[in-house]
């Protein structure tokens, strides 16, 4: 008869442990900052392919995050990852690859609470063919910040189009 109360206490203790473990895992799935890629356009010319990306960083930590970069924005820690349709990585290039540093010591940019949207371009020389189907995603960090998790977007399929040449009137 004494075994039943002991079993109830063990069951209750295990249940509380499992419930607290589930909430911890749920907290890990909500990283506080998310990266979203809403649109990608790939355009090819004689020099290479430009990947035009509509990007949003959603800061739902409840506070502003200071990001340090030698370049120009909170988006400077991002990288383009291009794969073929089967998922094989063909190219990975930092957003700042084509830029010159603005300052050797870095400067601070504030990632405000909520959504910060930007259109960014990754020029990739000698890459791709018009009509080629690819998958694109962005990965990266918030450099120099207290936020240490790696950010990653979903993958978006795109087809390389021909870049339009501008005509002078």
C-alpha atoms as a PDB file:
ATOM      1  CA  UNK A   1       0.000   0.000   0.000  1.00  0.00           C
ATOM      2  CA  UNK A   2       2.944   2.369   0.593  1.00  0.00           C
ATOM      3  CA  UNK A   3       4.094   1.826  -3.003  1.00  0.00           C
ATOM      4  CA  UNK A   4       1.152   3.724  -4.508  1.00  0.00           C
ATOM      5  CA  UNK A   5       1.992   7.166  -2.925  1.00  0.00           C
ATOM      6  CA  UNK A   6       5.645   6.727  -3.962  1.00  0.00           C
ATOM      7  CA  UNK A   7       4.605   5.948  -7.524  1.00  0.00           C
ATOM      8  CA  UNK A   8       2.358   9.020  -7.590  1.00  0.00           C
ATOM      9  CA  UNK A   9       5.229  11.251  -6.419  1.00  0.00           C
ATOM     10  CA  UNK A  10       7.587   9.801  -9.019  1.00  0.00           C
ATOM     11  CA  UNK A  11       4.994  10.191 -11.762  1.00  0.00           C
ATOM     12  CA  UNK A  12       4.273  13.768 -10.711  1.00  0.00           C
ATOM     13  CA  UNK A  13       8.009  14.562 -10.548  1.00  0.00           C
ATOM     14  CA  UNK A  14       8.676  13.081 -13.998  1.00  0.00           C
ATOM     15  CA  UNK A  15       5.693  14.928 -15.443  1.00  0.00           C
ATOM     16  CA  UNK A  16       6.991  18.248 -14.099  1.00  0.00           C
ATOM     17  CA  UNK A  17      10.457  17.485 -15.440  1.00  0.00           C
ATOM     18  CA  UNK A  18       9.100  16.662 -18.889  1.00  0.00           C
ATOM     19  CA  UNK A  19       6.877  19.743 -18.974  1.00  0.00           C
ATOM     20  CA  UNK A  20       9.756  22.032 -17.985  1.00  0.00           C
ATOM     21  CA  UNK A  21      11.984  20.334 -20.597  1.00  0.00           C
ATOM     22  CA  UNK A  22       9.384  20.905 -23.304  1.00  0.00           C
ATOM     23  CA  UNK A  23       9.126  24.601 -22.507  1.00  0.00           C
ATOM     24  CA  UNK A  24      12.934  24.907 -22.624  1.00  0.00           C
ATOM     25  CA  UNK A  25      12.973  23.305 -26.067  1.00  0.00           C
ATOM     26  CA  UNK A  26      10.170  25.610 -27.191  1.00  0.00           C
ATOM     27  CA  UNK A  27      12.214  28.615 -26.054  1.00  0.00           C
ATOM     28  CA  UNK A  28      15.143  27.371 -28.175  1.00  0.00           C
ATOM     29  CA  UNK A  29      12.900  27.228 -31.253  1.00  0.00           C
ATOM     30  CA  UNK A  30      12.066  30.914 -30.764  1.00  0.00           C
ATOM     31  CA  UNK A  31      15.537  32.376 -31.318  1.00  0.00           C
ATOM     32  CA  UNK A  32      14.637  36.011 -30.707  1.00  0.00           C
ATOM     33  CA  UNK A  33      15.877  37.126 -34.129  1.00  0.00           C
ATOM     34  CA  UNK A  34      14.778  35.639 -37.427  1.00  0.00           C
ATOM     35  CA  UNK A  35      15.998  36.124 -40.975  1.00  0.00           C
ATOM     36  CA  UNK A  36      13.552  36.016 -43.877  1.00  0.00           C
ATOM     37  CA  UNK A  37      14.218  35.990 -47.606  1.00  0.00           C
ATOM     38  CA  UNK A  38      11.002  37.010 -49.345  1.00  0.00           C
ATOM     39  CA  UNK A  39      12.169  37.359 -52.947  1.00  0.00           C
ATOM     40  CA  UNK A  40      15.196  36.532 -55.115  1.00  0.00           C
ATOM     41  CA  UNK A  41      15.899  37.607 -58.681  1.00  0.00           C
ATOM     42  CA  UNK A  42      19.020  36.326 -60.440  1.00  0.00           C
ATOM     43  CA  UNK A  43      20.200  38.227 -63.517  1.00  0.00           C
ATOM     44  CA  UNK A  44      23.152  37.314 -65.745  1.00  0.00           C
ATOM     45  CA  UNK A  45      25.304  39.541 -67.955  1.00  0.00           C
ATOM     46  CA  UNK A  46      28.775  39.149 -69.495  1.00  0.00           C
ATOM     47  CA  UNK A  47      30.463  39.707 -66.102  1.00  0.00           C
ATOM     48  CA  UNK A  48      28.483  37.295 -63.957  1.00  0.00           C
ATOM     49  CA  UNK A  49      25.221  36.983 -62.084  1.00  0.00           C
ATOM     50  CA  UNK A  50      23.638  39.437 -59.667  1.00  0.00           C
ATOM     51  CA  UNK A  51      21.378  38.024 -56.962  1.00  0.00           C
ATOM     52  CA  UNK A  52      18.846  40.660 -55.854  1.00  0.00           C
ATOM     53  CA  UNK A  53      17.426  39.654 -52.467  1.00  0.00           C
ATOM     54  CA  UNK A  54      14.551  41.116 -50.452  1.00  0.00           C
ATOM     55  CA  UNK A  55      15.604  40.465 -46.852  1.00  0.00           C
ATOM     56  CA  UNK A  56      13.993  41.069 -43.458  1.00  0.00           C
ATOM     57  CA  UNK A  57      15.623  40.741 -40.058  1.00  0.00           C
ATOM     58  CA  UNK A  58      12.934  40.443 -37.395  1.00  0.00           C
ATOM     59  CA  UNK A  59      14.239  41.368 -33.940  1.00  0.00           C
ATOM     60  CA  UNK A  60      11.713  40.084 -31.439  1.00  0.00           C
ATOM     61  CA  UNK A  61      14.097  40.015 -28.458  1.00  0.00           C
ATOM     62  CA  UNK A  62      12.308  42.968 -26.901  1.00  0.00           C
ATOM     63  CA  UNK A  63      15.398  45.189 -27.074  1.00  0.00           C
ATOM     64  CA  UNK A  64      17.649  46.868 -29.619  1.00  0.00           C
ATOM     65  CA  UNK A  65      20.800  44.983 -30.654  1.00  0.00           C
ATOM     66  CA  UNK A  66      24.075  46.790 -31.361  1.00  0.00           C
ATOM     67  CA  UNK A  67      25.876  45.290 -34.389  1.00  0.00           C
ATOM     68  CA  UNK A  68      29.492  46.185 -35.232  1.00  0.00           C
ATOM     69  CA  UNK A  69      30.730  46.198 -38.809  1.00  0.00           C
ATOM     70  CA  UNK A  70      33.600  47.642 -40.829  1.00  0.00           C
ATOM     71  CA  UNK A  71      31.123  48.132 -43.652  1.00  0.00           C
ATOM     72  CA  UNK A  72      27.659  49.707 -43.899  1.00  0.00           C
ATOM     73  CA  UNK A  73      24.757  47.982 -42.103  1.00  0.00           C
ATOM     74  CA  UNK A  74      23.305  45.323 -39.809  1.00  0.00           C
ATOM     75  CA  UNK A  75      23.078  43.105 -42.920  1.00  0.00           C
ATOM     76  CA  UNK A  76      26.880  42.903 -43.339  1.00  0.00           C
ATOM     77  CA  UNK A  77      27.156  39.526 -41.581  1.00  0.00           C
ATOM     78  CA  UNK A  78      25.045  37.734 -44.191  1.00  0.00           C
ATOM     79  CA  UNK A  79      26.196  35.283 -46.845  1.00  0.00           C
ATOM     80  CA  UNK A  80      24.557  34.064 -50.032  1.00  0.00           C
ATOM     81  CA  UNK A  81      24.369  30.277 -50.453  1.00  0.00           C
ATOM     82  CA  UNK A  82      23.500  29.036 -53.941  1.00  0.00           C
ATOM     83  CA  UNK A  83      22.806  25.374 -54.633  1.00  0.00           C
ATOM     84  CA  UNK A  84      21.681  23.375 -57.615  1.00  0.00           C
ATOM     85  CA  UNK A  85      18.169  21.920 -57.545  1.00  0.00           C
ATOM     86  CA  UNK A  86      19.484  18.782 -55.787  1.00  0.00           C
ATOM     87  CA  UNK A  87      20.986  20.875 -52.957  1.00  0.00           C
ATOM     88  CA  UNK A  88      24.688  20.707 -53.871  1.00  0.00           C
ATOM     89  CA  UNK A  89      26.386  23.979 -52.859  1.00  0.00           C
ATOM     90  CA  UNK A  90      27.679  25.785 -55.952  1.00  0.00           C
ATOM     91  CA  UNK A  91      28.606  29.134 -54.414  1.00  0.00           C
ATOM     92  CA  UNK A  92      28.816  30.736 -50.983  1.00  0.00           C
ATOM     93  CA  UNK A  93      29.729  34.415 -50.838  1.00  0.00           C
ATOM     94  CA  UNK A  94      29.624  37.062 -48.074  1.00  0.00           C
ATOM     95  CA  UNK A  95      27.504  40.153 -48.661  1.00  0.00           C
ATOM     96  CA  UNK A  96      30.581  42.321 -48.054  1.00  0.00           C
ATOM     97  CA  UNK A  97      32.726  40.416 -50.605  1.00  0.00           C
ATOM     98  CA  UNK A  98      32.423  43.174 -53.220  1.00  0.00           C
ATOM     99  CA  UNK A  99      32.649  46.096 -50.760  1.00  0.00           C
ATOM    100  CA  UNK A 100      35.562  48.099 -49.390  1.00  0.00           C
ATOM    101  CA  UNK A 101      35.650  48.570 -45.609  1.00  0.00           C
ATOM    102  CA  UNK A 102      34.301  51.902 -44.438  1.00  0.00           C
ATOM    103  CA  UNK A 103      36.417  51.978 -41.299  1.00  0.00           C
ATOM    104  CA  UNK A 104      39.190  49.719 -39.967  1.00  0.00           C
ATOM    105  CA  UNK A 105      37.847  49.845 -36.391  1.00  0.00           C
ATOM    106  CA  UNK A 106      34.237  49.114 -37.239  1.00  0.00           C
ATOM    107  CA  UNK A 107      31.219  51.147 -36.360  1.00  0.00           C
ATOM    108  CA  UNK A 108      28.031  50.406 -34.541  1.00  0.00           C
ATOM    109  CA  UNK A 109      24.643  49.918 -36.168  1.00  0.00           C
ATOM    110  CA  UNK A 110      21.476  49.466 -34.146  1.00  0.00           C
ATOM    111  CA  UNK A 111      19.047  46.701 -35.063  1.00  0.00           C
ATOM    112  CA  UNK A 112      15.783  48.115 -33.764  1.00  0.00           C
ATOM    113  CA  UNK A 113      12.992  45.983 -32.341  1.00  0.00           C
ATOM    114  CA  UNK A 114      10.660  44.644 -34.994  1.00  0.00           C
ATOM    115  CA  UNK A 115      11.279  44.207 -38.700  1.00  0.00           C
ATOM    116  CA  UNK A 116      14.163  45.776 -40.638  1.00  0.00           C
ATOM    117  CA  UNK A 117      13.827  45.302 -44.400  1.00  0.00           C
ATOM    118  CA  UNK A 118      16.379  45.847 -47.126  1.00  0.00           C
ATOM    119  CA  UNK A 119      17.037  44.940 -50.733  1.00  0.00           C
ATOM    120  CA  UNK A 120      20.606  43.673 -51.051  1.00  0.00           C
ATOM    121  CA  UNK A 121      22.586  42.599 -54.099  1.00  0.00           C
ATOM    122  CA  UNK A 122      25.251  39.913 -54.339  1.00  0.00           C
ATOM    123  CA  UNK A 123      27.305  40.293 -57.550  1.00  0.00           C
ATOM    124  CA  UNK A 124      28.894  36.918 -58.319  1.00  0.00           C
ATOM    125  CA  UNK A 125      31.465  37.045 -61.120  1.00  0.00           C
ATOM    126  CA  UNK A 126      31.766  34.281 -63.714  1.00  0.00           C
ATOM    127  CA  UNK A 127      28.824  32.319 -62.369  1.00  0.00           C
ATOM    128  CA  UNK A 128      25.701  30.751 -63.817  1.00  0.00           C
ATOM    129  CA  UNK A 129      23.928  30.556 -67.142  1.00  0.00           C
ATOM    130  CA  UNK A 130      20.698  32.162 -68.313  1.00  0.00           C
ATOM    131  CA  UNK A 131      17.871  29.668 -67.763  1.00  0.00           C
ATOM    132  CA  UNK A 132      19.699  27.763 -65.006  1.00  0.00           C
ATOM    133  CA  UNK A 133      17.468  26.745 -62.074  1.00  0.00           C
ATOM    134  CA  UNK A 134      18.964  27.285 -58.635  1.00  0.00           C
ATOM    135  CA  UNK A 135      18.060  27.405 -54.956  1.00  0.00           C
ATOM    136  CA  UNK A 136      19.107  30.390 -52.846  1.00  0.00           C
ATOM    137  CA  UNK A 137      19.221  31.026 -49.108  1.00  0.00           C
ATOM    138  CA  UNK A 138      20.964  33.475 -46.817  1.00  0.00           C
ATOM    139  CA  UNK A 139      22.862  32.598 -43.646  1.00  0.00           C
ATOM    140  CA  UNK A 140      24.870  34.695 -41.247  1.00  0.00           C
ATOM    141  CA  UNK A 141      25.310  36.429 -37.927  1.00  0.00           C
ATOM    142  CA  UNK A 142      24.944  39.814 -36.294  1.00  0.00           C
ATOM    143  CA  UNK A 143      28.681  40.585 -36.039  1.00  0.00           C
ATOM    144  CA  UNK A 144      30.081  42.145 -32.902  1.00  0.00           C
ATOM    145  CA  UNK A 145      26.733  41.845 -31.123  1.00  0.00           C
ATOM    146  CA  UNK A 146      25.639  40.022 -27.995  1.00  0.00           C
ATOM    147  CA  UNK A 147      23.356  37.870 -30.187  1.00  0.00           C
ATOM    148  CA  UNK A 148      25.431  34.773 -31.000  1.00  0.00           C
ATOM    149  CA  UNK A 149      23.002  32.481 -32.830  1.00  0.00           C
ATOM    150  CA  UNK A 150      23.392  31.760 -36.539  1.00  0.00           C
ATOM    151  CA  UNK A 151      20.601  33.128 -38.716  1.00  0.00           C
ATOM    152  CA  UNK A 152      19.279  31.290 -41.769  1.00  0.00           C
ATOM    153  CA  UNK A 153      16.444  31.812 -44.226  1.00  0.00           C
ATOM    154  CA  UNK A 154      14.279  29.315 -45.993  1.00  0.00           C
ATOM    155  CA  UNK A 155      15.455  28.300 -49.461  1.00  0.00           C
ATOM    156  CA  UNK A 156      13.875  29.909 -52.514  1.00  0.00           C
ATOM    157  CA  UNK A 157      13.996  28.517 -56.049  1.00  0.00           C
ATOM    158  CA  UNK A 158      14.938  30.907 -58.841  1.00  0.00           C
ATOM    159  CA  UNK A 159      15.920  30.837 -62.493  1.00  0.00           C
ATOM    160  CA  UNK A 160      18.723  33.011 -63.830  1.00  0.00           C
ATOM    161  CA  UNK A 161      17.387  35.602 -66.242  1.00  0.00           C
ATOM    162  CA  UNK A 162      19.219  37.864 -68.623  1.00  0.00           C
ATOM    163  CA  UNK A 163      20.201  41.233 -67.202  1.00  0.00           C
ATOM    164  CA  UNK A 164      18.707  44.099 -69.154  1.00  0.00           C
ATOM    165  CA  UNK A 165      21.169  46.562 -70.581  1.00  0.00           C
ATOM    166  CA  UNK A 166      20.474  50.204 -70.034  1.00  0.00           C
ATOM    167  CA  UNK A 167      20.249  52.350 -73.134  1.00  0.00           C
ATOM    168  CA  UNK A 168      21.203  55.991 -73.162  1.00  0.00           C
ATOM    169  CA  UNK A 169      18.709  58.381 -74.740  1.00  0.00           C
END
